[in-house]
Each structure stands twice: as structure tokens, then as C-alpha cells.
N, C-alpha and C. Protein backbone atom coordinates (compact mmCIF):
# COMPACT_ATOMS: atom_id res chain seq x y z
N MET A 1 6.51 17.53 -5.74
CA MET A 1 6.88 16.85 -4.52
C MET A 1 8.39 16.58 -4.52
N ASN A 2 8.92 16.52 -3.34
CA ASN A 2 10.35 16.25 -3.19
C ASN A 2 10.63 14.77 -3.34
N THR A 3 11.91 14.46 -3.45
CA THR A 3 12.33 13.07 -3.58
C THR A 3 11.94 12.27 -2.34
N SER A 4 11.93 12.91 -1.19
CA SER A 4 11.60 12.19 0.04
C SER A 4 10.18 11.64 0.01
N PHE A 5 9.27 12.32 -0.68
CA PHE A 5 7.90 11.82 -0.81
C PHE A 5 7.90 10.48 -1.54
N TYR A 6 8.65 10.39 -2.63
CA TYR A 6 8.68 9.16 -3.41
C TYR A 6 9.38 8.02 -2.66
N VAL A 7 10.41 8.35 -1.92
CA VAL A 7 11.10 7.34 -1.11
C VAL A 7 10.16 6.81 -0.04
N LEU A 8 9.46 7.71 0.63
CA LEU A 8 8.52 7.30 1.68
C LEU A 8 7.35 6.50 1.09
N ALA A 9 6.85 6.94 -0.05
CA ALA A 9 5.74 6.22 -0.69
C ALA A 9 6.17 4.82 -1.12
N CYS A 10 7.36 4.69 -1.66
CA CYS A 10 7.87 3.37 -2.05
C CYS A 10 8.08 2.47 -0.84
N THR A 11 8.55 3.04 0.24
CA THR A 11 8.75 2.26 1.47
C THR A 11 7.41 1.74 1.99
N PHE A 12 6.41 2.63 2.06
CA PHE A 12 5.10 2.20 2.53
C PHE A 12 4.46 1.19 1.57
N ALA A 13 4.65 1.38 0.28
CA ALA A 13 4.11 0.43 -0.70
C ALA A 13 4.75 -0.95 -0.53
N ALA A 14 6.06 -0.98 -0.31
CA ALA A 14 6.75 -2.26 -0.12
C ALA A 14 6.25 -2.96 1.14
N LEU A 15 6.06 -2.20 2.22
CA LEU A 15 5.53 -2.79 3.45
C LEU A 15 4.11 -3.32 3.24
N ALA A 16 3.31 -2.58 2.51
CA ALA A 16 1.94 -3.03 2.25
C ALA A 16 1.92 -4.29 1.40
N ILE A 17 2.82 -4.38 0.44
CA ILE A 17 2.88 -5.58 -0.41
C ILE A 17 3.32 -6.79 0.41
N VAL A 18 4.33 -6.61 1.26
CA VAL A 18 4.77 -7.71 2.12
C VAL A 18 3.64 -8.16 3.04
N ASN A 19 2.94 -7.20 3.65
CA ASN A 19 1.82 -7.55 4.52
C ASN A 19 0.69 -8.21 3.75
N LEU A 20 0.46 -7.77 2.53
CA LEU A 20 -0.59 -8.38 1.71
C LEU A 20 -0.29 -9.85 1.44
N PHE A 21 0.96 -10.16 1.10
CA PHE A 21 1.33 -11.55 0.87
C PHE A 21 1.27 -12.38 2.15
N ARG A 22 1.63 -11.77 3.28
CA ARG A 22 1.55 -12.48 4.56
C ARG A 22 0.10 -12.80 4.92
N GLU A 23 -0.79 -11.85 4.66
CA GLU A 23 -2.21 -12.08 4.96
C GLU A 23 -2.81 -13.15 4.06
N ARG A 24 -2.39 -13.17 2.81
CA ARG A 24 -2.91 -14.18 1.88
C ARG A 24 -2.50 -15.58 2.29
N ALA A 25 -1.36 -15.72 2.97
CA ALA A 25 -0.87 -17.03 3.39
C ALA A 25 -1.63 -17.59 4.58
N LYS A 26 -2.32 -16.72 5.32
CA LYS A 26 -3.07 -17.19 6.49
C LYS A 26 -4.34 -17.90 6.08
N LYS A 27 -4.87 -18.69 7.00
CA LYS A 27 -6.15 -19.34 6.72
C LYS A 27 -7.27 -18.30 6.81
N LYS A 28 -8.39 -18.59 6.17
CA LYS A 28 -9.48 -17.62 6.09
C LYS A 28 -10.06 -17.32 7.46
N SER A 29 -10.14 -16.03 7.75
CA SER A 29 -10.73 -15.57 9.00
C SER A 29 -11.10 -14.10 8.83
N THR A 30 -11.73 -13.55 9.84
CA THR A 30 -12.13 -12.14 9.80
C THR A 30 -10.91 -11.23 9.80
N SER A 31 -9.90 -11.58 10.58
CA SER A 31 -8.70 -10.74 10.63
C SER A 31 -7.96 -10.79 9.30
N ARG A 32 -7.98 -11.94 8.62
CA ARG A 32 -7.35 -12.04 7.29
C ARG A 32 -8.07 -11.15 6.31
N THR A 33 -9.39 -11.16 6.34
CA THR A 33 -10.18 -10.32 5.44
C THR A 33 -9.89 -8.85 5.69
N PHE A 34 -9.84 -8.45 6.95
CA PHE A 34 -9.54 -7.06 7.28
C PHE A 34 -8.13 -6.70 6.84
N GLY A 35 -7.18 -7.58 7.04
CA GLY A 35 -5.80 -7.33 6.62
C GLY A 35 -5.68 -7.17 5.12
N LEU A 36 -6.35 -8.03 4.37
CA LEU A 36 -6.34 -7.91 2.92
C LEU A 36 -6.96 -6.60 2.48
N TRP A 37 -8.10 -6.24 3.07
CA TRP A 37 -8.79 -5.01 2.72
C TRP A 37 -7.93 -3.79 3.06
N PHE A 38 -7.37 -3.79 4.26
CA PHE A 38 -6.58 -2.64 4.71
C PHE A 38 -5.33 -2.44 3.85
N ASN A 39 -4.62 -3.51 3.56
CA ASN A 39 -3.41 -3.40 2.75
C ASN A 39 -3.73 -3.04 1.31
N SER A 40 -4.82 -3.54 0.78
CA SER A 40 -5.22 -3.16 -0.57
C SER A 40 -5.59 -1.69 -0.65
N MET A 41 -6.29 -1.20 0.36
CA MET A 41 -6.65 0.22 0.37
C MET A 41 -5.41 1.10 0.53
N SER A 42 -4.45 0.66 1.31
CA SER A 42 -3.23 1.47 1.47
C SER A 42 -2.44 1.52 0.18
N LEU A 43 -2.36 0.40 -0.55
CA LEU A 43 -1.69 0.40 -1.84
C LEU A 43 -2.41 1.31 -2.84
N ALA A 44 -3.72 1.26 -2.84
CA ALA A 44 -4.49 2.12 -3.74
C ALA A 44 -4.29 3.59 -3.41
N THR A 45 -4.28 3.92 -2.13
CA THR A 45 -4.07 5.31 -1.72
C THR A 45 -2.68 5.80 -2.10
N ILE A 46 -1.68 4.97 -1.93
CA ILE A 46 -0.31 5.34 -2.31
C ILE A 46 -0.23 5.54 -3.81
N ALA A 47 -0.85 4.67 -4.59
CA ALA A 47 -0.84 4.80 -6.04
C ALA A 47 -1.54 6.08 -6.49
N ILE A 48 -2.66 6.41 -5.87
CA ILE A 48 -3.39 7.63 -6.21
C ILE A 48 -2.56 8.86 -5.86
N ALA A 49 -1.91 8.85 -4.69
CA ALA A 49 -1.08 9.98 -4.28
C ALA A 49 0.10 10.17 -5.24
N ALA A 50 0.72 9.07 -5.66
CA ALA A 50 1.85 9.17 -6.60
C ALA A 50 1.36 9.69 -7.96
N ALA A 51 0.21 9.21 -8.41
CA ALA A 51 -0.34 9.68 -9.68
C ALA A 51 -0.65 11.16 -9.65
N ILE A 52 -1.26 11.60 -8.57
CA ILE A 52 -1.57 13.04 -8.43
C ILE A 52 -0.29 13.87 -8.39
N ALA A 53 0.74 13.36 -7.69
CA ALA A 53 2.01 14.09 -7.62
C ALA A 53 2.67 14.18 -8.99
N LEU A 54 2.57 13.13 -9.77
CA LEU A 54 3.17 13.16 -11.10
C LEU A 54 2.37 14.06 -12.05
N ILE A 55 1.07 14.08 -11.93
CA ILE A 55 0.23 14.90 -12.81
C ILE A 55 0.42 16.38 -12.50
N THR A 56 0.49 16.73 -11.23
CA THR A 56 0.59 18.13 -10.85
C THR A 56 2.02 18.66 -10.94
N ARG A 57 2.95 17.82 -11.27
CA ARG A 57 4.36 18.20 -11.33
C ARG A 57 4.64 19.14 -12.44
């Protein structure tokens, strides 16, 4: 993968982390639960993509 992949992945990971912390600060609700789930899944997907890119390199 090119360097741009890693830059983009880091940018998306940083946004997901910021959103994850923002969702945790909210009071418990259905939208908070969805936000936590969605941001956690996006971080996991980014980590898996980076791992696959490093392994296949």
C-alpha cells in the first residue's frame, strides 16, 4: 500500500477515537449505544486493514 493509505487510515482512526470519547461523555441512550458500536467497529476495521496491509507488504 502507498503512504496515502496509512495517512488516510490514521486520519479516520483519529476521527473515530474522538467520536468514541464524545459518545462516552453523553448520557446513556440508544443513540449513544449506536455511536459507541459504530465507532468501535470502524476502529476495528481500520486496524484489520492496516494489519493486512503490513502482512501482505
